[in-house]
Amino acid sequence: MKSFGWWIKQILFGGVSLLFLLLGLNALWSAYQVQNPHEFIMLFFSSSLMILISAVGMIYPAVRIFACLRARKNNPCST
């Protein structure tokens, strides 16, 4: 079983990534509201990068938590 701090770190990392995912989606939505094509391209690609990085940031702790729970299920006496 992992320490309490490890769990908090994983949950906080996923939560911050979720916040940036929402900010990236908001930026993507606002990209379609601008009239200037150069601004659209800049906003579109920057929001896509934000969404990609934050999605990876959400997948990383999910995989780590899943692996920890799976290891605990297979060997409940391990620490």
PDB file of N, CA and C in Angstrom:
ATOM      1  N   MET A   1       0.839  -1.182   0.000  1.00  0.00           N
ATOM      2  CA  MET A   1       0.000   0.000   0.000  1.00  0.00           C
ATOM      3  C   MET A   1       0.881   1.242   0.000  1.00  0.00           C
ATOM      4  N   LYS A   2       0.567   2.153  -0.860  1.00  0.00           N
ATOM      5  CA  LYS A   2       1.335   3.390  -0.965  1.00  0.00           C
ATOM      6  C   LYS A   2       0.992   4.310   0.199  1.00  0.00           C
ATOM      7  N   SER A   3       1.868   5.275   0.442  1.00  0.00           N
ATOM      8  CA  SER A   3       1.649   6.204   1.550  1.00  0.00           C
ATOM      9  C   SER A   3       0.532   7.187   1.208  1.00  0.00           C
ATOM     10  N   PHE A   4       0.056   7.846   2.248  1.00  0.00           N
ATOM     11  CA  PHE A   4      -1.025   8.817   2.089  1.00  0.00           C
ATOM     12  C   PHE A   4      -0.590   9.974   1.193  1.00  0.00           C
ATOM     13  N   GLY A   5       0.655  10.397   1.323  1.00  0.00           N
ATOM     14  CA  GLY A   5       1.173  11.490   0.498  1.00  0.00           C
ATOM     15  C   GLY A   5       1.195  11.144  -0.980  1.00  0.00           C
ATOM     16  N   TRP A   6       1.481   9.876  -1.290  1.00  0.00           N
ATOM     17  CA  TRP A   6       1.493   9.440  -2.685  1.00  0.00           C
ATOM     18  C   TRP A   6       0.106   9.576  -3.299  1.00  0.00           C
ATOM     19  N   TRP A   7      -0.925   9.178  -2.545  1.00  0.00           N
ATOM     20  CA  TRP A   7      -2.297   9.281  -3.037  1.00  0.00           C
ATOM     21  C   TRP A   7      -2.696  10.733  -3.251  1.00  0.00           C
ATOM     22  N   ILE A   8      -2.338  11.592  -2.299  1.00  0.00           N
ATOM     23  CA  ILE A   8      -2.666  13.013  -2.425  1.00  0.00           C
ATOM     24  C   ILE A   8      -1.976  13.606  -3.650  1.00  0.00           C
ATOM     25  N   LYS A   9      -0.708  13.242  -3.862  1.00  0.00           N
ATOM     26  CA  LYS A   9       0.042  13.747  -5.014  1.00  0.00           C
ATOM     27  C   LYS A   9      -0.623  13.337  -6.326  1.00  0.00           C
ATOM     28  N   GLN A  10      -1.060  12.091  -6.424  1.00  0.00           N
ATOM     29  CA  GLN A  10      -1.696  11.619  -7.653  1.00  0.00           C
ATOM     30  C   GLN A  10      -3.032  12.327  -7.892  1.00  0.00           C
ATOM     31  N   ILE A  11      -3.803  12.496  -6.826  1.00  0.00           N
ATOM     32  CA  ILE A  11      -5.105  13.156  -6.960  1.00  0.00           C
ATOM     33  C   ILE A  11      -4.926  14.627  -7.319  1.00  0.00           C
ATOM     34  N   LEU A  12      -3.971  15.309  -6.693  1.00  0.00           N
ATOM     35  CA  LEU A  12      -3.717  16.714  -7.020  1.00  0.00           C
ATOM     36  C   LEU A  12      -3.215  16.871  -8.455  1.00  0.00           C
ATOM     37  N   PHE A  13      -2.338  15.982  -8.882  1.00  0.00           N
ATOM     38  CA  PHE A  13      -1.821  16.037 -10.250  1.00  0.00           C
ATOM     39  C   PHE A  13      -2.961  15.863 -11.259  1.00  0.00           C
ATOM     40  N   GLY A  14      -3.850  14.911 -10.994  1.00  0.00           N
ATOM     41  CA  GLY A  14      -4.999  14.715 -11.872  1.00  0.00           C
ATOM     42  C   GLY A  14      -5.959  15.888 -11.835  1.00  0.00           C
ATOM     43  N   GLY A  15      -6.154  16.479 -10.652  1.00  0.00           N
ATOM     44  CA  GLY A  15      -7.054  17.624 -10.530  1.00  0.00           C
ATOM     45  C   GLY A  15      -6.536  18.857 -11.248  1.00  0.00           C
ATOM     46  N   VAL A  16      -5.247  19.120 -11.124  1.00  0.00           N
ATOM     47  CA  VAL A  16      -4.653  20.262 -11.830  1.00  0.00           C
ATOM     48  C   VAL A  16      -4.713  20.026 -13.337  1.00  0.00           C
ATOM     49  N   SER A  17      -4.503  18.802 -13.754  1.00  0.00           N
ATOM     50  CA  SER A  17      -4.597  18.482 -15.179  1.00  0.00           C
ATOM     51  C   SER A  17      -6.022  18.660 -15.683  1.00  0.00           C
ATOM     52  N   LEU A  18      -6.995  18.315 -14.860  1.00  0.00           N
ATOM     53  CA  LEU A  18      -8.393  18.533 -15.241  1.00  0.00           C
ATOM     54  C   LEU A  18      -8.685  20.020 -15.394  1.00  0.00           C
ATOM     55  N   LEU A  19      -8.140  20.840 -14.502  1.00  0.00           N
ATOM     56  CA  LEU A  19      -8.318  22.286 -14.603  1.00  0.00           C
ATOM     57  C   LEU A  19      -7.736  22.809 -15.914  1.00  0.00           C
ATOM     58  N   PHE A  20      -6.528  22.371 -16.267  1.00  0.00           N
ATOM     59  CA  PHE A  20      -5.923  22.820 -17.516  1.00  0.00           C
ATOM     60  C   PHE A  20      -6.657  22.261 -18.735  1.00  0.00           C
ATOM     61  N   LEU A  21      -7.260  21.088 -18.609  1.00  0.00           N
ATOM     62  CA  LEU A  21      -8.072  20.562 -19.701  1.00  0.00           C
ATOM     63  C   LEU A  21      -9.274  21.464 -19.941  1.00  0.00           C
ATOM     64  N   LEU A  22      -9.922  21.890 -18.876  1.00  0.00           N
ATOM     65  CA  LEU A  22     -11.061  22.794 -19.020  1.00  0.00           C
ATOM     66  C   LEU A  22     -10.638  24.144 -19.588  1.00  0.00           C
ATOM     67  N   LEU A  23      -9.483  24.649 -19.161  1.00  0.00           N
ATOM     68  CA  LEU A  23      -8.975  25.903 -19.725  1.00  0.00           C
ATOM     69  C   LEU A  23      -8.643  25.745 -21.212  1.00  0.00           C
ATOM     70  N   GLY A  24      -8.099  24.603 -21.589  1.00  0.00           N
ATOM     71  CA  GLY A  24      -7.803  24.347 -22.993  1.00  0.00           C
ATOM     72  C   GLY A  24      -9.062  24.252 -23.836  1.00  0.00           C
ATOM     73  N   LEU A  25     -10.097  23.617 -23.286  1.00  0.00           N
ATOM     74  CA  LEU A  25     -11.370  23.544 -24.010  1.00  0.00           C
ATOM     75  C   LEU A  25     -12.001  24.924 -24.147  1.00  0.00           C
ATOM     76  N   ASN A  26     -11.877  25.741 -23.106  1.00  0.00           N
ATOM     77  CA  ASN A  26     -12.390  27.107 -23.173  1.00  0.00           C
ATOM     78  C   ASN A  26     -11.627  27.915 -24.226  1.00  0.00           C
ATOM     79  N   ALA A  27     -10.318  27.747 -24.290  1.00  0.00           N
ATOM     80  CA  ALA A  27      -9.516  28.443 -25.302  1.00  0.00           C
ATOM     81  C   ALA A  27      -9.877  27.961 -26.704  1.00  0.00           C
ATOM     82  N   LEU A  28     -10.146  26.671 -26.849  1.00  0.00           N
ATOM     83  CA  LEU A  28     -10.552  26.143 -28.151  1.00  0.00           C
ATOM     84  C   LEU A  28     -11.891  26.720 -28.576  1.00  0.00           C
ATOM     85  N   TRP A  29     -12.815  26.815 -27.632  1.00  0.00           N
ATOM     86  CA  TRP A  29     -14.120  27.395 -27.941  1.00  0.00           C
ATOM     87  C   TRP A  29     -13.963  28.861 -28.333  1.00  0.00           C
ATOM     88  N   SER A  30     -13.116  29.589 -27.623  1.00  0.00           N
ATOM     89  CA  SER A  30     -12.933  31.006 -27.941  1.00  0.00           C
ATOM     90  C   SER A  30     -12.184  31.192 -29.258  1.00  0.00           C
ATOM     91  N   ALA A  31     -11.421  30.199 -29.693  1.00  0.00           N
ATOM     92  CA  ALA A  31     -10.723  30.307 -30.976  1.00  0.00           C
ATOM     93  C   ALA A  31     -11.716  30.406 -32.124  1.00  0.00           C
ATOM     94  N   TYR A  32     -12.839  29.737 -31.990  1.00  0.00           N
ATOM     95  CA  TYR A  32     -13.835  29.777 -33.050  1.00  0.00           C
ATOM     96  C   TYR A  32     -14.663  31.053 -33.027  1.00  0.00           C
ATOM     97  N   GLN A  33     -14.478  31.898 -32.027  1.00  0.00           N
ATOM     98  CA  GLN A  33     -15.226  33.149 -31.932  1.00  0.00           C
ATOM     99  C   GLN A  33     -14.479  34.332 -32.546  1.00  0.00           C
ATOM    100  N   VAL A  34     -13.181  34.200 -32.808  1.00  0.00           N
ATOM    101  CA  VAL A  34     -12.400  35.325 -33.329  1.00  0.00           C
ATOM    102  C   VAL A  34     -12.590  35.444 -34.836  1.00  0.00           C
ATOM    103  N   GLN A  35     -12.377  36.646 -35.342  1.00  0.00           N
ATOM    104  CA  GLN A  35     -12.565  36.911 -36.770  1.00  0.00           C
ATOM    105  C   GLN A  35     -11.245  36.879 -37.549  1.00  0.00           C
ATOM    106  N   ASN A  36     -10.141  37.179 -36.880  1.00  0.00           N
ATOM    107  CA  ASN A  36      -8.843  37.230 -37.539  1.00  0.00           C
ATOM    108  C   ASN A  36      -8.295  35.810 -37.717  1.00  0.00           C
ATOM    109  N   PRO A  37      -7.946  35.414 -38.948  1.00  0.00           N
ATOM    110  CA  PRO A  37      -7.448  34.051 -39.172  1.00  0.00           C
ATOM    111  C   PRO A  37      -6.137  33.744 -38.446  1.00  0.00           C
ATOM    112  N   HIS A  38      -5.269  34.740 -38.310  1.00  0.00           N
ATOM    113  CA  HIS A  38      -4.002  34.509 -37.611  1.00  0.00           C
ATOM    114  C   HIS A  38      -4.243  34.231 -36.133  1.00  0.00           C
ATOM    115  N   GLU A  39      -5.164  34.967 -35.541  1.00  0.00           N
ATOM    116  CA  GLU A  39      -5.508  34.721 -34.137  1.00  0.00           C
ATOM    117  C   GLU A  39      -6.151  33.351 -33.974  1.00  0.00           C
ATOM    118  N   PHE A  40      -6.973  32.963 -34.942  1.00  0.00           N
ATOM    119  CA  PHE A  40      -7.605  31.647 -34.877  1.00  0.00           C
ATOM    120  C   PHE A  40      -6.555  30.538 -34.868  1.00  0.00           C
ATOM    121  N   ILE A  41      -5.594  30.626 -35.784  1.00  0.00           N
ATOM    122  CA  ILE A  41      -4.551  29.596 -35.867  1.00  0.00           C
ATOM    123  C   ILE A  41      -3.764  29.529 -34.570  1.00  0.00           C
ATOM    124  N   MET A  42      -3.388  30.702 -34.032  1.00  0.00           N
ATOM    125  CA  MET A  42      -2.630  30.730 -32.779  1.00  0.00           C
ATOM    126  C   MET A  42      -3.429  30.122 -31.638  1.00  0.00           C
ATOM    127  N   LEU A  43      -4.678  30.533 -31.486  1.00  0.00           N
ATOM    128  CA  LEU A  43      -5.508  30.013 -30.400  1.00  0.00           C
ATOM    129  C   LEU A  43      -5.808  28.531 -30.582  1.00  0.00           C
ATOM    130  N   PHE A  44      -6.061  28.120 -31.815  1.00  0.00           N
ATOM    131  CA  PHE A  44      -6.406  26.729 -32.070  1.00  0.00           C
ATOM    132  C   PHE A  44      -5.257  25.791 -31.696  1.00  0.00           C
ATOM    133  N   PHE A  45      -4.056  26.104 -32.154  1.00  0.00           N
ATOM    134  CA  PHE A  45      -2.929  25.215 -31.874  1.00  0.00           C
ATOM    135  C   PHE A  45      -2.488  25.282 -30.421  1.00  0.00           C
ATOM    136  N   SER A  46      -2.568  26.463 -29.807  1.00  0.00           N
ATOM    137  CA  SER A  46      -2.188  26.545 -28.393  1.00  0.00           C
ATOM    138  C   SER A  46      -3.184  25.792 -27.519  1.00  0.00           C
ATOM    139  N   SER A  47      -4.472  25.892 -27.834  1.00  0.00           N
ATOM    140  CA  SER A  47      -5.459  25.162 -27.040  1.00  0.00           C
ATOM    141  C   SER A  47      -5.355  23.661 -27.283  1.00  0.00           C
ATOM    142  N   SER A  48      -5.025  23.263 -28.497  1.00  0.00           N
ATOM    143  CA  SER A  48      -4.841  21.836 -28.774  1.00  0.00           C
ATOM    144  C   SER A  48      -3.664  21.274 -27.987  1.00  0.00           C
ATOM    145  N   LEU A  49      -2.591  22.050 -27.874  1.00  0.00           N
ATOM    146  CA  LEU A  49      -1.439  21.614 -27.086  1.00  0.00           C
ATOM    147  C   LEU A  49      -1.798  21.531 -25.607  1.00  0.00           C
ATOM    148  N   MET A  50      -2.555  22.508 -25.111  1.00  0.00           N
ATOM    149  CA  MET A  50      -2.993  22.467 -23.711  1.00  0.00           C
ATOM    150  C   MET A  50      -3.843  21.237 -23.440  1.00  0.00           C
ATOM    151  N   ILE A  51      -4.750  20.925 -24.349  1.00  0.00           N
ATOM    152  CA  ILE A  51      -5.626  19.767 -24.182  1.00  0.00           C
ATOM    153  C   ILE A  51      -4.806  18.478 -24.207  1.00  0.00           C
ATOM    154  N   LEU A  52      -3.855  18.378 -25.118  1.00  0.00           N
ATOM    155  CA  LEU A  52      -3.022  17.179 -25.224  1.00  0.00           C
ATOM    156  C   LEU A  52      -2.190  16.965 -23.965  1.00  0.00           C
ATOM    157  N   ILE A  53      -1.534  18.011 -23.493  1.00  0.00           N
ATOM    158  CA  ILE A  53      -0.682  17.878 -22.307  1.00  0.00           C
ATOM    159  C   ILE A  53      -1.515  17.567 -21.073  1.00  0.00           C
ATOM    160  N   SER A  54      -2.666  18.217 -20.932  1.00  0.00           N
ATOM    161  CA  SER A  54      -3.490  17.955 -19.751  1.00  0.00           C
ATOM    162  C   SER A  54      -4.131  16.572 -19.808  1.00  0.00           C
ATOM    163  N   ALA A  55      -4.433  16.068 -21.000  1.00  0.00           N
ATOM    164  CA  ALA A  55      -4.968  14.706 -21.101  1.00  0.00           C
ATOM    165  C   ALA A  55      -3.920  13.689 -20.665  1.00  0.00           C
ATOM    166  N   VAL A  56      -2.679  13.912 -21.067  1.00  0.00           N
ATOM    167  CA  VAL A  56      -1.594  13.031 -20.615  1.00  0.00           C
ATOM    168  C   VAL A  56      -1.425  13.154 -19.107  1.00  0.00           C
ATOM    169  N   GLY A  57      -1.565  14.378 -18.595  1.00  0.00           N
ATOM    170  CA  GLY A  57      -1.470  14.592 -17.156  1.00  0.00           C
ATOM    171  C   GLY A  57      -2.580  13.929 -16.376  1.00  0.00           C
ATOM    172  N   MET A  58      -3.708  13.674 -16.997  1.00  0.00           N
ATOM    173  CA  MET A  58      -4.795  12.950 -16.330  1.00  0.00           C
ATOM    174  C   MET A  58      -4.624  11.442 -16.469  1.00  0.00           C
ATOM    175  N   ILE A  59      -4.082  10.998 -17.585  1.00  0.00           N
ATOM    176  CA  ILE A  59      -3.892   9.565 -17.810  1.00  0.00           C
ATOM    177  C   ILE A  59      -2.784   9.017 -16.917  1.00  0.00           C
ATOM    178  N   TYR A  60      -1.716   9.800 -16.716  1.00  0.00           N
ATOM    179  CA  TYR A  60      -0.569   9.342 -15.926  1.00  0.00           C
ATOM    180  C   TYR A  60      -0.965   8.920 -14.510  1.00  0.00           C
ATOM    181  N   PRO A  61      -1.639   9.754 -13.713  1.00  0.00           N
ATOM    182  CA  PRO A  61      -1.994   9.285 -12.366  1.00  0.00           C
ATOM    183  C   PRO A  61      -3.033   8.169 -12.389  1.00  0.00           C
ATOM    184  N   ALA A  62      -3.908   8.166 -13.396  1.00  0.00           N
ATOM    185  CA  ALA A  62      -4.905   7.101 -13.474  1.00  0.00           C
ATOM    186  C   ALA A  62      -4.231   5.746 -13.677  1.00  0.00           C
ATOM    187  N   VAL A  63      -3.228   5.694 -14.535  1.00  0.00           N
ATOM    188  CA  VAL A  63      -2.505   4.445 -14.775  1.00  0.00           C
ATOM    189  C   VAL A  63      -1.726   4.035 -13.534  1.00  0.00           C
ATOM    190  N   ARG A  64      -1.104   4.999 -12.851  1.00  0.00           N
ATOM    191  CA  ARG A  64      -0.340   4.679 -11.636  1.00  0.00           C
ATOM    192  C   ARG A  64      -1.256   4.150 -10.539  1.00  0.00           C
ATOM    193  N   ILE A  65      -2.424   4.767 -10.369  1.00  0.00           N
ATOM    194  CA  ILE A  65      -3.370   4.302  -9.347  1.00  0.00           C
ATOM    195  C   ILE A  65      -3.890   2.917  -9.712  1.00  0.00           C
ATOM    196  N   PHE A  66      -4.208   2.708 -10.994  1.00  0.00           N
ATOM    197  CA  PHE A  66      -4.686   1.401 -11.440  1.00  0.00           C
ATOM    198  C   PHE A  66      -3.637   0.325 -11.192  1.00  0.00           C
ATOM    199  N   ALA A  67      -2.374   0.635 -11.498  1.00  0.00           N
ATOM    200  CA  ALA A  67      -1.298  -0.342 -11.278  1.00  0.00           C
ATOM    201  C   ALA A  67      -1.128  -0.638  -9.794  1.00  0.00           C
ATOM    202  N   CYS A  68      -1.257   0.371  -8.958  1.00  0.00           N
ATOM    203  CA  CYS A  68      -1.125   0.166  -7.515  1.00  0.00           C
ATOM    204  C   CYS A  68      -2.261  -0.707  -6.986  1.00  0.00           C
ATOM    205  N   LEU A  69      -3.477  -0.430  -7.423  1.00  0.00           N
ATOM    206  CA  LEU A  69      -4.622  -1.221  -6.965  1.00  0.00           C
ATOM    207  C   LEU A  69      -4.559  -2.647  -7.497  1.00  0.00           C
ATOM    208  N   ARG A  70      -4.076  -2.796  -8.718  1.00  0.00           N
ATOM    209  CA  ARG A  70      -3.954  -4.133  -9.292  1.00  0.00           C
ATOM    210  C   ARG A  70      -2.898  -4.947  -8.549  1.00  0.00           C
ATOM    211  N   ALA A  71      -1.781  -4.323  -8.206  1.00  0.00           N
ATOM    212  CA  ALA A  71      -0.729  -5.016  -7.461  1.00  0.00           C
ATOM    213  C   ALA A  71      -1.223  -5.387  -6.067  1.00  0.00           C
ATOM    214  N   ARG A  72      -2.004  -4.525  -5.468  1.00  0.00           N
ATOM    215  CA  ARG A  72      -2.538  -4.810  -4.135  1.00  0.00           C
ATOM    216  C   ARG A  72      -3.546  -5.954  -4.189  1.00  0.00           C
ATOM    217  N   LYS A  73      -4.317  -6.024  -5.275  1.00  0.00           N
ATOM    218  CA  LYS A  73      -5.289  -7.106  -5.425  1.00  0.00           C
ATOM    219  C   LYS A  73      -4.578  -8.444  -5.607  1.00  0.00           C
ATOM    220  N   ASN A  74      -3.482  -8.452  -6.374  1.00  0.00           N
ATOM    221  CA  ASN A  74      -2.745  -9.690  -6.623  1.00  0.00           C
ATOM    222  C   ASN A  74      -1.933 -10.138  -5.421  1.00  0.00           C
ATOM    223  N   ASN A  75      -1.433  -9.204  -4.623  1.00  0.00           N
ATOM    224  CA  ASN A  75      -0.593  -9.528  -3.471  1.00  0.00           C
ATOM    225  C   ASN A  75      -0.972  -8.598  -2.315  1.00  0.00           C
ATOM    226  N   PRO A  76      -2.040  -8.907  -1.571  1.00  0.00           N
ATOM    227  CA  PRO A  76      -2.542  -7.975  -0.558  1.00  0.00           C
ATOM    228  C   PRO A  76      -1.609  -7.769   0.623  1.00  0.00           C
ATOM    229  N   CYS A  77      -0.625  -8.625   0.825  1.00  0.00           N
ATOM    230  CA  CYS A  77       0.273  -8.485   1.978  1.00  0.00           C
ATOM    231  C   CYS A  77       1.456  -7.577   1.693  1.00  0.00           C
ATOM    232  N   SER A  78       1.639  -7.141   0.445  1.00  0.00           N
ATOM    233  CA  SER A  78       2.791  -6.294   0.128  1.00  0.00           C
ATOM    234  C   SER A  78       2.563  -4.877   0.619  1.00  0.00           C
ATOM    235  N   THR A  79       3.668  -4.187   0.890  1.00  0.00           N
ATOM    236  CA  THR A  79       3.571  -2.799   1.351  1.00  0.00           C
ATOM    237  C   THR A  79       4.177  -1.860   0.353  1.00  0.00           C
TER     238      THR A  79
END
